[in-house]
């Protein structure tokens, strides 16, 4: 199993980000909102924490680090390739265990669809 998260797995193209947001399927599991779009390309992920919820960059970076780690550990649950956009939507900072549980649930949900 490969537990890395290299640059090639990060979603960076603006047009793909826009496509995922407009055409992708939205799934929510508190505190995470997940947009997913099946693709033939390798899986790519965008992790996002809104500035309007967390004004300080250190808080946003902490939550992004936790979400990245939860995805990295559980990405083997994906059975096909997707373009994913993972957004944090809770107003308070939650511990890693809560974030990991919701990401794990969301990854298994999109596989079943």
PDB file of N, CA and C in Angstrom:
ATOM      1  N   UNK A   1       0.829  -1.180   0.000  1.00  0.00           N
ATOM      2  CA  UNK A   1       0.000   0.000   0.000  1.00  0.00           C
ATOM      3  C   UNK A   1       0.875   1.246   0.000  1.00  0.00           C
ATOM      4  N   UNK A   2       0.419   2.223  -0.747  1.00  0.00           N
ATOM      5  CA  UNK A   2       1.157   3.465  -0.875  1.00  0.00           C
ATOM      6  C   UNK A   2       0.480   4.541  -0.029  1.00  0.00           C
ATOM      7  N   UNK A   3       1.140   4.969   1.036  1.00  0.00           N
ATOM      8  CA  UNK A   3       0.556   5.961   1.936  1.00  0.00           C
ATOM      9  C   UNK A   3       1.132   7.354   1.715  1.00  0.00           C
ATOM     10  N   UNK A   4       1.579   7.639   0.497  1.00  0.00           N
ATOM     11  CA  UNK A   4       2.141   8.961   0.220  1.00  0.00           C
ATOM     12  C   UNK A   4       1.076   9.890  -0.339  1.00  0.00           C
ATOM     13  N   UNK A   5       1.385  11.165  -0.392  1.00  0.00           N
ATOM     14  CA  UNK A   5       0.488  12.152  -0.989  1.00  0.00           C
ATOM     15  C   UNK A   5       1.349  13.115  -1.817  1.00  0.00           C
ATOM     16  N   UNK A   6       1.801  12.659  -2.997  1.00  0.00           N
ATOM     17  CA  UNK A   6       2.707  13.482  -3.799  1.00  0.00           C
ATOM     18  C   UNK A   6       1.981  14.619  -4.518  1.00  0.00           C
ATOM     19  N   UNK A   7       2.754  15.496  -5.090  1.00  0.00           N
ATOM     20  CA  UNK A   7       2.231  16.653  -5.815  1.00  0.00           C
ATOM     21  C   UNK A   7       1.309  16.215  -6.962  1.00  0.00           C
ATOM     22  N   UNK A   8       1.576  15.095  -7.575  1.00  0.00           N
ATOM     23  CA  UNK A   8       0.765  14.624  -8.703  1.00  0.00           C
ATOM     24  C   UNK A   8      -0.663  14.273  -8.296  1.00  0.00           C
ATOM     25  N   UNK A   9      -0.917  14.086  -7.005  1.00  0.00           N
ATOM     26  CA  UNK A   9      -2.260  13.760  -6.519  1.00  0.00           C
ATOM     27  C   UNK A   9      -3.028  14.997  -6.063  1.00  0.00           C
ATOM     28  N   UNK A  10      -2.452  16.179  -6.252  1.00  0.00           N
ATOM     29  CA  UNK A  10      -3.125  17.402  -5.823  1.00  0.00           C
ATOM     30  C   UNK A  10      -3.824  18.039  -7.011  1.00  0.00           C
ATOM     31  N   UNK A  11      -5.042  18.442  -6.803  1.00  0.00           N
ATOM     32  CA  UNK A  11      -5.850  19.061  -7.844  1.00  0.00           C
ATOM     33  C   UNK A  11      -5.506  20.547  -7.903  1.00  0.00           C
ATOM     34  N   UNK A  12      -4.926  20.975  -9.041  1.00  0.00           N
ATOM     35  CA  UNK A  12      -4.440  22.352  -9.148  1.00  0.00           C
ATOM     36  C   UNK A  12      -5.072  23.125 -10.302  1.00  0.00           C
ATOM     37  N   UNK A  13      -5.506  22.450 -11.352  1.00  0.00           N
ATOM     38  CA  UNK A  13      -6.035  23.146 -12.525  1.00  0.00           C
ATOM     39  C   UNK A  13      -7.356  23.821 -12.205  1.00  0.00           C
ATOM     40  N   UNK A  14      -7.430  25.115 -12.507  1.00  0.00           N
ATOM     41  CA  UNK A  14      -8.643  25.881 -12.196  1.00  0.00           C
ATOM     42  C   UNK A  14      -9.870  25.330 -12.917  1.00  0.00           C
ATOM     43  N   UNK A  15      -9.705  24.929 -14.167  1.00  0.00           N
ATOM     44  CA  UNK A  15     -10.860  24.426 -14.919  1.00  0.00           C
ATOM     45  C   UNK A  15     -11.380  23.118 -14.331  1.00  0.00           C
ATOM     46  N   UNK A  16     -10.485  22.261 -13.836  1.00  0.00           N
ATOM     47  CA  UNK A  16     -10.933  21.011 -13.226  1.00  0.00           C
ATOM     48  C   UNK A  16     -11.599  21.280 -11.879  1.00  0.00           C
ATOM     49  N   UNK A  17     -11.065  22.234 -11.133  1.00  0.00           N
ATOM     50  CA  UNK A  17     -11.671  22.595  -9.847  1.00  0.00           C
ATOM     51  C   UNK A  17     -13.091  23.104 -10.071  1.00  0.00           C
ATOM     52  N   UNK A  18     -13.254  23.953 -11.076  1.00  0.00           N
ATOM     53  CA  UNK A  18     -14.574  24.499 -11.398  1.00  0.00           C
ATOM     54  C   UNK A  18     -15.515  23.387 -11.859  1.00  0.00           C
ATOM     55  N   UNK A  19     -15.004  22.463 -12.667  1.00  0.00           N
ATOM     56  CA  UNK A  19     -15.817  21.348 -13.162  1.00  0.00           C
ATOM     57  C   UNK A  19     -16.282  20.453 -12.022  1.00  0.00           C
ATOM     58  N   UNK A  20     -15.390  20.157 -11.100  1.00  0.00           N
ATOM     59  CA  UNK A  20     -15.755  19.308  -9.954  1.00  0.00           C
ATOM     60  C   UNK A  20     -16.852  19.983  -9.135  1.00  0.00           C
ATOM     61  N   UNK A  21     -16.729  21.286  -8.922  1.00  0.00           N
ATOM     62  CA  UNK A  21     -17.702  22.016  -8.111  1.00  0.00           C
ATOM     63  C   UNK A  21     -19.063  22.082  -8.801  1.00  0.00           C
ATOM     64  N   UNK A  22     -19.072  22.253 -10.142  1.00  0.00           N
ATOM     65  CA  UNK A  22     -20.333  22.414 -10.870  1.00  0.00           C
ATOM     66  C   UNK A  22     -20.985  21.087 -11.228  1.00  0.00           C
ATOM     67  N   UNK A  23     -20.198  20.105 -11.665  1.00  0.00           N
ATOM     68  CA  UNK A  23     -20.767  18.867 -12.181  1.00  0.00           C
ATOM     69  C   UNK A  23     -20.631  17.682 -11.226  1.00  0.00           C
ATOM     70  N   UNK A  24     -19.798  17.827 -10.205  1.00  0.00           N
ATOM     71  CA  UNK A  24     -19.547  16.721  -9.293  1.00  0.00           C
ATOM     72  C   UNK A  24     -20.692  16.476  -8.341  1.00  0.00           C
ATOM     73  N   UNK A  25     -20.682  15.308  -7.741  1.00  0.00           N
ATOM     74  CA  UNK A  25     -21.693  14.933  -6.766  1.00  0.00           C
ATOM     75  C   UNK A  25     -21.242  15.403  -5.391  1.00  0.00           C
ATOM     76  N   UNK A  26     -22.155  16.026  -4.661  1.00  0.00           N
ATOM     77  CA  UNK A  26     -21.848  16.567  -3.339  1.00  0.00           C
ATOM     78  C   UNK A  26     -22.339  15.594  -2.263  1.00  0.00           C
ATOM     79  N   UNK A  27     -21.446  15.249  -1.343  1.00  0.00           N
ATOM     80  CA  UNK A  27     -21.779  14.383  -0.222  1.00  0.00           C
ATOM     81  C   UNK A  27     -21.285  15.062   1.046  1.00  0.00           C
ATOM     82  N   UNK A  28     -22.075  15.014   2.098  1.00  0.00           N
ATOM     83  CA  UNK A  28     -21.690  15.672   3.351  1.00  0.00           C
ATOM     84  C   UNK A  28     -21.704  14.685   4.504  1.00  0.00           C
ATOM     85  N   UNK A  29     -20.730  14.832   5.349  1.00  0.00           N
ATOM     86  CA  UNK A  29     -20.629  14.080   6.599  1.00  0.00           C
ATOM     87  C   UNK A  29     -19.949  15.038   7.569  1.00  0.00           C
ATOM     88  N   UNK A  30     -20.674  15.509   8.563  1.00  0.00           N
ATOM     89  CA  UNK A  30     -20.152  16.543   9.449  1.00  0.00           C
ATOM     90  C   UNK A  30     -18.770  16.166   9.954  1.00  0.00           C
ATOM     91  N   UNK A  31     -17.772  16.985   9.856  1.00  0.00           N
ATOM     92  CA  UNK A  31     -17.666  18.374   9.432  1.00  0.00           C
ATOM     93  C   UNK A  31     -17.142  18.542   8.014  1.00  0.00           C
ATOM     94  N   UNK A  32     -17.235  17.526   7.167  1.00  0.00           N
ATOM     95  CA  UNK A  32     -16.614  17.552   5.840  1.00  0.00           C
ATOM     96  C   UNK A  32     -17.673  17.572   4.750  1.00  0.00           C
ATOM     97  N   UNK A  33     -17.396  18.344   3.706  1.00  0.00           N
ATOM     98  CA  UNK A  33     -18.211  18.380   2.499  1.00  0.00           C
ATOM     99  C   UNK A  33     -17.325  17.869   1.368  1.00  0.00           C
ATOM    100  N   UNK A  34     -17.791  16.885   0.610  1.00  0.00           N
ATOM    101  CA  UNK A  34     -16.974  16.257  -0.425  1.00  0.00           C
ATOM    102  C   UNK A  34     -17.663  16.358  -1.767  1.00  0.00           C
ATOM    103  N   UNK A  35     -16.976  16.942  -2.740  1.00  0.00           N
ATOM    104  CA  UNK A  35     -17.433  16.954  -4.125  1.00  0.00           C
ATOM    105  C   UNK A  35     -16.595  15.924  -4.873  1.00  0.00           C
ATOM    106  N   UNK A  36     -17.254  15.027  -5.608  1.00  0.00           N
ATOM    107  CA  UNK A  36     -16.523  13.983  -6.320  1.00  0.00           C
ATOM    108  C   UNK A  36     -17.012  13.893  -7.757  1.00  0.00           C
ATOM    109  N   UNK A  37     -16.078  13.661  -8.656  1.00  0.00           N
ATOM    110  CA  UNK A  37     -16.372  13.511 -10.070  1.00  0.00           C
ATOM    111  C   UNK A  37     -15.522  12.369 -10.602  1.00  0.00           C
ATOM    112  N   UNK A  38     -16.138  11.265 -11.070  1.00  0.00           N
ATOM    113  CA  UNK A  38     -15.351  10.166 -11.623  1.00  0.00           C
ATOM    114  C   UNK A  38     -14.553  10.627 -12.844  1.00  0.00           C
ATOM    115  N   UNK A  39     -13.376  10.065 -13.001  1.00  0.00           N
ATOM    116  CA  UNK A  39     -12.500  10.456 -14.106  1.00  0.00           C
ATOM    117  C   UNK A  39     -11.665   9.274 -14.571  1.00  0.00           C
ATOM    118  N   UNK A  40     -11.080   9.402 -15.746  1.00  0.00           N
ATOM    119  CA  UNK A  40     -10.170   8.377 -16.263  1.00  0.00           C
ATOM    120  C   UNK A  40      -8.732   8.687 -15.875  1.00  0.00           C
ATOM    121  N   UNK A  41      -8.475   9.912 -15.449  1.00  0.00           N
ATOM    122  CA  UNK A  41      -7.142  10.314 -14.999  1.00  0.00           C
ATOM    123  C   UNK A  41      -6.897   9.781 -13.601  1.00  0.00           C
ATOM    124  N   UNK A  42      -5.666   9.836 -13.118  1.00  0.00           N
ATOM    125  CA  UNK A  42      -5.414   9.433 -11.728  1.00  0.00           C
ATOM    126  C   UNK A  42      -6.188  10.321 -10.748  1.00  0.00           C
ATOM    127  N   UNK A  43      -6.459   9.796  -9.575  1.00  0.00           N
ATOM    128  CA  UNK A  43      -7.200  10.543  -8.557  1.00  0.00           C
ATOM    129  C   UNK A  43      -6.415  11.777  -8.137  1.00  0.00           C
ATOM    130  N   UNK A  44      -7.129  12.900  -8.068  1.00  0.00           N
ATOM    131  CA  UNK A  44      -6.535  14.147  -7.600  1.00  0.00           C
ATOM    132  C   UNK A  44      -7.461  14.774  -6.566  1.00  0.00           C
ATOM    133  N   UNK A  45      -6.866  15.460  -5.588  1.00  0.00           N
ATOM    134  CA  UNK A  45      -7.620  15.967  -4.445  1.00  0.00           C
ATOM    135  C   UNK A  45      -7.270  17.432  -4.184  1.00  0.00           C
ATOM    136  N   UNK A  46      -8.303  18.213  -3.868  1.00  0.00           N
ATOM    137  CA  UNK A  46      -8.138  19.583  -3.396  1.00  0.00           C
ATOM    138  C   UNK A  46      -8.690  19.634  -1.979  1.00  0.00           C
ATOM    139  N   UNK A  47      -7.903  20.160  -1.048  1.00  0.00           N
ATOM    140  CA  UNK A  47      -8.333  20.271   0.345  1.00  0.00           C
ATOM    141  C   UNK A  47      -8.486  21.744   0.661  1.00  0.00           C
ATOM    142  N   UNK A  48      -9.644  22.118   1.218  1.00  0.00           N
ATOM    143  CA  UNK A  48     -10.015  23.512   1.335  1.00  0.00           C
ATOM    144  C   UNK A  48     -10.647  23.798   2.697  1.00  0.00           C
ATOM    145  N   UNK A  49     -10.168  24.868   3.353  1.00  0.00           N
ATOM    146  CA  UNK A  49     -10.773  25.369   4.588  1.00  0.00           C
ATOM    147  C   UNK A  49     -11.102  26.839   4.351  1.00  0.00           C
ATOM    148  N   UNK A  50     -12.377  27.238   4.435  1.00  0.00           N
ATOM    149  CA  UNK A  50     -12.751  28.615   4.116  1.00  0.00           C
ATOM    150  C   UNK A  50     -12.187  29.639   5.101  1.00  0.00           C
ATOM    151  N   UNK A  51     -11.773  30.752   4.543  1.00  0.00           N
ATOM    152  CA  UNK A  51     -11.224  31.827   5.355  1.00  0.00           C
ATOM    153  C   UNK A  51     -12.306  32.515   6.184  1.00  0.00           C
ATOM    154  N   UNK A  52     -13.540  32.488   5.716  1.00  0.00           N
ATOM    155  CA  UNK A  52     -14.611  33.140   6.472  1.00  0.00           C
ATOM    156  C   UNK A  52     -14.932  32.403   7.767  1.00  0.00           C
ATOM    157  N   UNK A  53     -14.586  31.103   7.851  1.00  0.00           N
ATOM    158  CA  UNK A  53     -14.803  30.358   9.093  1.00  0.00           C
ATOM    159  C   UNK A  53     -13.625  30.482  10.050  1.00  0.00           C
ATOM    160  N   UNK A  54     -12.407  30.500   9.497  1.00  0.00           N
ATOM    161  CA  UNK A  54     -11.192  30.568  10.312  1.00  0.00           C
ATOM    162  C   UNK A  54     -10.315  31.693   9.779  1.00  0.00           C
ATOM    163  N   UNK A  55     -10.300  32.794  10.502  1.00  0.00           N
ATOM    164  CA  UNK A  55      -9.593  33.992  10.054  1.00  0.00           C
ATOM    165  C   UNK A  55      -8.075  33.831  10.106  1.00  0.00           C
ATOM    166  N   UNK A  56      -7.574  33.055  11.052  1.00  0.00           N
ATOM    167  CA  UNK A  56      -6.129  32.903  11.204  1.00  0.00           C
ATOM    168  C   UNK A  56      -5.598  31.771  10.326  1.00  0.00           C
ATOM    169  N   UNK A  57      -4.517  32.056   9.626  1.00  0.00           N
ATOM    170  CA  UNK A  57      -3.930  31.069   8.723  1.00  0.00           C
ATOM    171  C   UNK A  57      -3.446  29.837   9.475  1.00  0.00           C
ATOM    172  N   UNK A  58      -2.998  30.003  10.705  1.00  0.00           N
ATOM    173  CA  UNK A  58      -2.512  28.851  11.467  1.00  0.00           C
ATOM    174  C   UNK A  58      -3.638  27.858  11.749  1.00  0.00           C
ATOM    175  N   UNK A  59      -4.830  28.364  11.987  1.00  0.00           N
ATOM    176  CA  UNK A  59      -5.980  27.482  12.206  1.00  0.00           C
ATOM    177  C   UNK A  59      -6.347  26.745  10.923  1.00  0.00           C
ATOM    178  N   UNK A  60      -6.365  27.460   9.801  1.00  0.00           N
ATOM    179  CA  UNK A  60      -6.676  26.834   8.513  1.00  0.00           C
ATOM    180  C   UNK A  60      -5.630  25.782   8.156  1.00  0.00           C
ATOM    181  N   UNK A  61      -4.366  26.099   8.382  1.00  0.00           N
ATOM    182  CA  UNK A  61      -3.292  25.152   8.062  1.00  0.00           C
ATOM    183  C   UNK A  61      -3.372  23.901   8.927  1.00  0.00           C
ATOM    184  N   UNK A  62      -3.714  24.061  10.202  1.00  0.00           N
ATOM    185  CA  UNK A  62      -3.863  22.916  11.093  1.00  0.00           C
ATOM    186  C   UNK A  62      -4.957  21.975  10.589  1.00  0.00           C
ATOM    187  N   UNK A  63      -6.096  22.541  10.213  1.00  0.00           N
ATOM    188  CA  UNK A  63      -7.212  21.718   9.739  1.00  0.00           C
ATOM    189  C   UNK A  63      -6.884  21.075   8.399  1.00  0.00           C
ATOM    190  N   UNK A  64      -6.215  21.797   7.510  1.00  0.00           N
ATOM    191  CA  UNK A  64      -5.821  21.208   6.227  1.00  0.00           C
ATOM    192  C   UNK A  64      -4.832  20.066   6.441  1.00  0.00           C
ATOM    193  N   UNK A  65      -3.925  20.237   7.385  1.00  0.00           N
ATOM    194  CA  UNK A  65      -2.959  19.181   7.686  1.00  0.00           C
ATOM    195  C   UNK A  65      -3.672  17.936   8.199  1.00  0.00           C
ATOM    196  N   UNK A  66      -4.656  18.127   9.063  1.00  0.00           N
ATOM    197  CA  UNK A  66      -5.420  16.987   9.588  1.00  0.00           C
ATOM    198  C   UNK A  66      -6.208  16.293   8.489  1.00  0.00           C
ATOM    199  N   UNK A  67      -6.824  17.066   7.591  1.00  0.00           N
ATOM    200  CA  UNK A  67      -7.605  16.466   6.501  1.00  0.00           C
ATOM    201  C   UNK A  67      -6.693  15.744   5.509  1.00  0.00           C
ATOM    202  N   UNK A  68      -5.537  16.330   5.218  1.00  0.00           N
ATOM    203  CA  UNK A  68      -4.575  15.689   4.310  1.00  0.00           C
ATOM    204  C   UNK A  68      -4.107  14.358   4.868  1.00  0.00           C
ATOM    205  N   UNK A  69      -3.806  14.337   6.153  1.00  0.00           N
ATOM    206  CA  UNK A  69      -3.352  13.114   6.801  1.00  0.00           C
ATOM    207  C   UNK A  69      -4.457  12.050   6.799  1.00  0.00           C
ATOM    208  N   UNK A  70      -5.683  12.448   7.085  1.00  0.00           N
ATOM    209  CA  UNK A  70      -6.796  11.495   7.083  1.00  0.00           C
ATOM    210  C   UNK A  70      -7.014  10.926   5.681  1.00  0.00           C
ATOM    211  N   UNK A  71      -6.926  11.772   4.659  1.00  0.00           N
ATOM    212  CA  UNK A  71      -7.069  11.275   3.286  1.00  0.00           C
ATOM    213  C   UNK A  71      -5.917  10.346   2.934  1.00  0.00           C
ATOM    214  N   UNK A  72      -4.697  10.735   3.276  1.00  0.00           N
ATOM    215  CA  UNK A  72      -3.508   9.957   2.921  1.00  0.00           C
ATOM    216  C   UNK A  72      -3.576   8.551   3.498  1.00  0.00           C
ATOM    217  N   UNK A  73      -4.041   8.430   4.723  1.00  0.00           N
ATOM    218  CA  UNK A  73      -4.119   7.125   5.382  1.00  0.00           C
ATOM    219  C   UNK A  73      -5.235   6.270   4.781  1.00  0.00           C
ATOM    220  N   UNK A  74      -6.337   6.900   4.363  1.00  0.00           N
ATOM    221  CA  UNK A  74      -7.526   6.155   3.930  1.00  0.00           C
ATOM    222  C   UNK A  74      -7.772   6.173   2.430  1.00  0.00           C
ATOM    223  N   UNK A  75      -6.843   6.669   1.627  1.00  0.00           N
ATOM    224  CA  UNK A  75      -7.081   6.755   0.192  1.00  0.00           C
ATOM    225  C   UNK A  75      -7.169   5.386  -0.477  1.00  0.00           C
ATOM    226  N   UNK A  76      -6.698   4.345   0.191  1.00  0.00           N
ATOM    227  CA  UNK A  76      -6.800   3.007  -0.387  1.00  0.00           C
ATOM    228  C   UNK A  76      -8.235   2.486  -0.406  1.00  0.00           C
ATOM    229  N   UNK A  77      -9.176   3.194   0.233  1.00  0.00           N
ATOM    230  CA  UNK A  77     -10.591   2.812   0.197  1.00  0.00           C
ATOM    231  C   UNK A  77     -11.233   3.091  -1.158  1.00  0.00           C
ATOM    232  N   UNK A  78     -10.617   3.966  -1.955  1.00  0.00           N
ATOM    233  CA  UNK A  78     -11.156   4.302  -3.275  1.00  0.00           C
ATOM    234  C   UNK A  78     -10.909   3.156  -4.241  1.00  0.00           C
ATOM    235  N   UNK A  79     -11.956   2.753  -4.931  1.00  0.00           N
ATOM    236  CA  UNK A  79     -11.845   1.644  -5.873  1.00  0.00           C
ATOM    237  C   UNK A  79     -11.716   2.116  -7.322  1.00  0.00           C
ATOM    238  N   UNK A  80     -12.072   3.376  -7.589  1.00  0.00           N
ATOM    239  CA  UNK A  80     -11.909   3.945  -8.918  1.00  0.00           C
ATOM    240  C   UNK A  80     -11.305   5.335  -8.782  1.00  0.00           C
ATOM    241  N   UNK A  81     -11.019   5.983  -9.908  1.00  0.00           N
ATOM    242  CA  UNK A  81     -10.358   7.286  -9.838  1.00  0.00           C
ATOM    243  C   UNK A  81     -11.386   8.411  -9.849  1.00  0.00           C
ATOM    244  N   UNK A  82     -11.098   9.440  -9.077  1.00  0.00           N
ATOM    245  CA  UNK A  82     -11.987  10.586  -8.921  1.00  0.00           C
ATOM    246  C   UNK A  82     -11.183  11.873  -8.931  1.00  0.00           C
ATOM    247  N   UNK A  83     -11.890  12.961  -9.216  1.00  0.00           N
ATOM    248  CA  UNK A  83     -11.413  14.295  -8.882  1.00  0.00           C
ATOM    249  C   UNK A  83     -12.194  14.666  -7.629  1.00  0.00           C
ATOM    250  N   UNK A  84     -11.494  14.969  -6.546  1.00  0.00           N
ATOM    251  CA  UNK A  84     -12.141  15.208  -5.260  1.00  0.00           C
ATOM    252  C   UNK A  84     -11.857  16.617  -4.768  1.00  0.00           C
ATOM    253  N   UNK A  85     -12.855  17.215  -4.155  1.00  0.00           N
ATOM    254  CA  UNK A  85     -12.679  18.482  -3.460  1.00  0.00           C
ATOM    255  C   UNK A  85     -13.226  18.276  -2.054  1.00  0.00           C
ATOM    256  N   UNK A  86     -12.348  18.363  -1.070  1.00  0.00           N
ATOM    257  CA  UNK A  86     -12.715  18.141   0.318  1.00  0.00           C
ATOM    258  C   UNK A  86     -12.723  19.488   1.025  1.00  0.00           C
ATOM    259  N   UNK A  87     -13.878  19.854   1.586  1.00  0.00           N
ATOM    260  CA  UNK A  87     -14.031  21.160   2.233  1.00  0.00           C
ATOM    261  C   UNK A  87     -14.430  20.976   3.690  1.00  0.00           C
ATOM    262  N   UNK A  88     -13.782  21.706   4.563  1.00  0.00           N
ATOM    263  CA  UNK A  88     -14.118  21.698   5.983  1.00  0.00           C
ATOM    264  C   UNK A  88     -15.234  22.705   6.197  1.00  0.00           C
ATOM    265  N   UNK A  89     -16.299  22.332   6.931  1.00  0.00           N
ATOM    266  CA  UNK A  89     -17.432  23.242   7.058  1.00  0.00           C
ATOM    267  C   UNK A  89     -17.887  23.492   8.493  1.00  0.00           C
ATOM    268  N   UNK A  90     -17.251  22.915   9.484  1.00  0.00           N
ATOM    269  CA  UNK A  90     -17.631  23.177  10.877  1.00  0.00           C
ATOM    270  C   UNK A  90     -17.030  24.503  11.339  1.00  0.00           C
ATOM    271  N   UNK A  91     -17.667  25.127  12.293  1.00  0.00           N
ATOM    272  CA  UNK A  91     -17.211  26.422  12.784  1.00  0.00           C
ATOM    273  C   UNK A  91     -16.132  26.295  13.858  1.00  0.00           C
ATOM    274  N   UNK A  92     -15.934  25.098  14.407  1.00  0.00           N
ATOM    275  CA  UNK A  92     -14.923  24.911  15.439  1.00  0.00           C
ATOM    276  C   UNK A  92     -13.888  23.891  14.970  1.00  0.00           C
ATOM    277  N   UNK A  93     -12.710  23.940  15.586  1.00  0.00           N
ATOM    278  CA  UNK A  93     -11.647  22.992  15.243  1.00  0.00           C
ATOM    279  C   UNK A  93     -11.948  21.658  15.921  1.00  0.00           C
ATOM    280  N   UNK A  94     -12.088  20.628  15.127  1.00  0.00           N
ATOM    281  CA  UNK A  94     -12.365  19.298  15.668  1.00  0.00           C
ATOM    282  C   UNK A  94     -11.078  18.477  15.705  1.00  0.00           C
ATOM    283  N   UNK A  95     -11.004  17.477  16.575  1.00  0.00           N
ATOM    284  CA  UNK A  95      -9.797  16.647  16.655  1.00  0.00           C
ATOM    285  C   UNK A  95      -9.644  15.764  15.418  1.00  0.00           C
ATOM    286  N   UNK A  96      -8.445  15.237  15.254  1.00  0.00           N
ATOM    287  CA  UNK A  96      -8.118  14.416  14.097  1.00  0.00           C
ATOM    288  C   UNK A  96      -9.041  13.204  13.980  1.00  0.00           C
ATOM    289  N   UNK A  97      -9.389  12.579  15.083  1.00  0.00           N
ATOM    290  CA  UNK A  97     -10.221  11.372  15.050  1.00  0.00           C
ATOM    291  C   UNK A  97     -11.576  11.638  14.405  1.00  0.00           C
ATOM    292  N   UNK A  98     -12.180  12.776  14.701  1.00  0.00           N
ATOM    293  CA  UNK A  98     -13.483  13.116  14.118  1.00  0.00           C
ATOM    294  C   UNK A  98     -13.354  13.385  12.621  1.00  0.00           C
ATOM    295  N   UNK A  99     -12.298  14.072  12.237  1.00  0.00           N
ATOM    296  CA  UNK A  99     -12.077  14.366  10.816  1.00  0.00           C
ATOM    297  C   UNK A  99     -11.808  13.084  10.045  1.00  0.00           C
ATOM    298  N   UNK A 100     -10.979  12.212  10.615  1.00  0.00           N
ATOM    299  CA  UNK A 100     -10.658  10.960   9.938  1.00  0.00           C
ATOM    300  C   UNK A 100     -11.894  10.077   9.781  1.00  0.00           C
ATOM    301  N   UNK A 101     -12.726  10.014  10.799  1.00  0.00           N
ATOM    302  CA  UNK A 101     -13.933   9.186  10.729  1.00  0.00           C
ATOM    303  C   UNK A 101     -14.867   9.673   9.628  1.00  0.00           C
ATOM    304  N   UNK A 102     -15.034  10.977   9.496  1.00  0.00           N
ATOM    305  CA  UNK A 102     -15.931  11.492   8.465  1.00  0.00           C
ATOM    306  C   UNK A 102     -15.345  11.312   7.066  1.00  0.00           C
ATOM    307  N   UNK A 103     -14.047  11.493   6.905  1.00  0.00           N
ATOM    308  CA  UNK A 103     -13.425  11.281   5.588  1.00  0.00           C
ATOM    309  C   UNK A 103     -13.498   9.813   5.207  1.00  0.00           C
ATOM    310  N   UNK A 104     -13.261   8.930   6.152  1.00  0.00           N
ATOM    311  CA  UNK A 104     -13.356   7.492   5.882  1.00  0.00           C
ATOM    312  C   UNK A 104     -14.773   7.120   5.434  1.00  0.00           C
ATOM    313  N   UNK A 105     -15.776   7.657   6.115  1.00  0.00           N
ATOM    314  CA  UNK A 105     -17.171   7.383   5.756  1.00  0.00           C
ATOM    315  C   UNK A 105     -17.494   7.918   4.372  1.00  0.00           C
ATOM    316  N   UNK A 106     -17.022   9.120   4.051  1.00  0.00           N
ATOM    317  CA  UNK A 106     -17.288   9.708   2.737  1.00  0.00           C
ATOM    318  C   UNK A 106     -16.625   8.927   1.620  1.00  0.00           C
ATOM    319  N   UNK A 107     -15.403   8.468   1.830  1.00  0.00           N
ATOM    320  CA  UNK A 107     -14.711   7.696   0.789  1.00  0.00           C
ATOM    321  C   UNK A 107     -15.406   6.369   0.523  1.00  0.00           C
ATOM    322  N   UNK A 108     -15.923   5.729   1.566  1.00  0.00           N
ATOM    323  CA  UNK A 108     -16.665   4.495   1.335  1.00  0.00           C
ATOM    324  C   UNK A 108     -18.013   4.766   0.673  1.00  0.00           C
ATOM    325  N   UNK A 109     -18.634   5.908   0.988  1.00  0.00           N
ATOM    326  CA  UNK A 109     -19.926   6.275   0.372  1.00  0.00           C
ATOM    327  C   UNK A 109     -19.795   6.507  -1.116  1.00  0.00           C
ATOM    328  N   UNK A 110     -18.746   7.218  -1.546  1.00  0.00           N
ATOM    329  CA  UNK A 110     -18.641   7.495  -2.990  1.00  0.00           C
ATOM    330  C   UNK A 110     -18.284   6.247  -3.776  1.00  0.00           C
ATOM    331  N   UNK A 111     -17.668   5.256  -3.122  1.00  0.00           N
ATOM    332  CA  UNK A 111     -17.405   3.985  -3.800  1.00  0.00           C
ATOM    333  C   UNK A 111     -18.695   3.214  -4.060  1.00  0.00           C
ATOM    334  N   UNK A 112     -19.641   3.320  -3.144  1.00  0.00           N
ATOM    335  CA  UNK A 112     -20.888   2.559  -3.264  1.00  0.00           C
ATOM    336  C   UNK A 112     -21.840   3.127  -4.290  1.00  0.00           C
ATOM    337  N   UNK A 113     -21.637   4.372  -4.721  1.00  0.00           N
ATOM    338  CA  UNK A 113     -22.528   4.981  -5.709  1.00  0.00           C
ATOM    339  C   UNK A 113     -22.157   4.609  -7.131  1.00  0.00           C
TER     340      UNK A 113
END
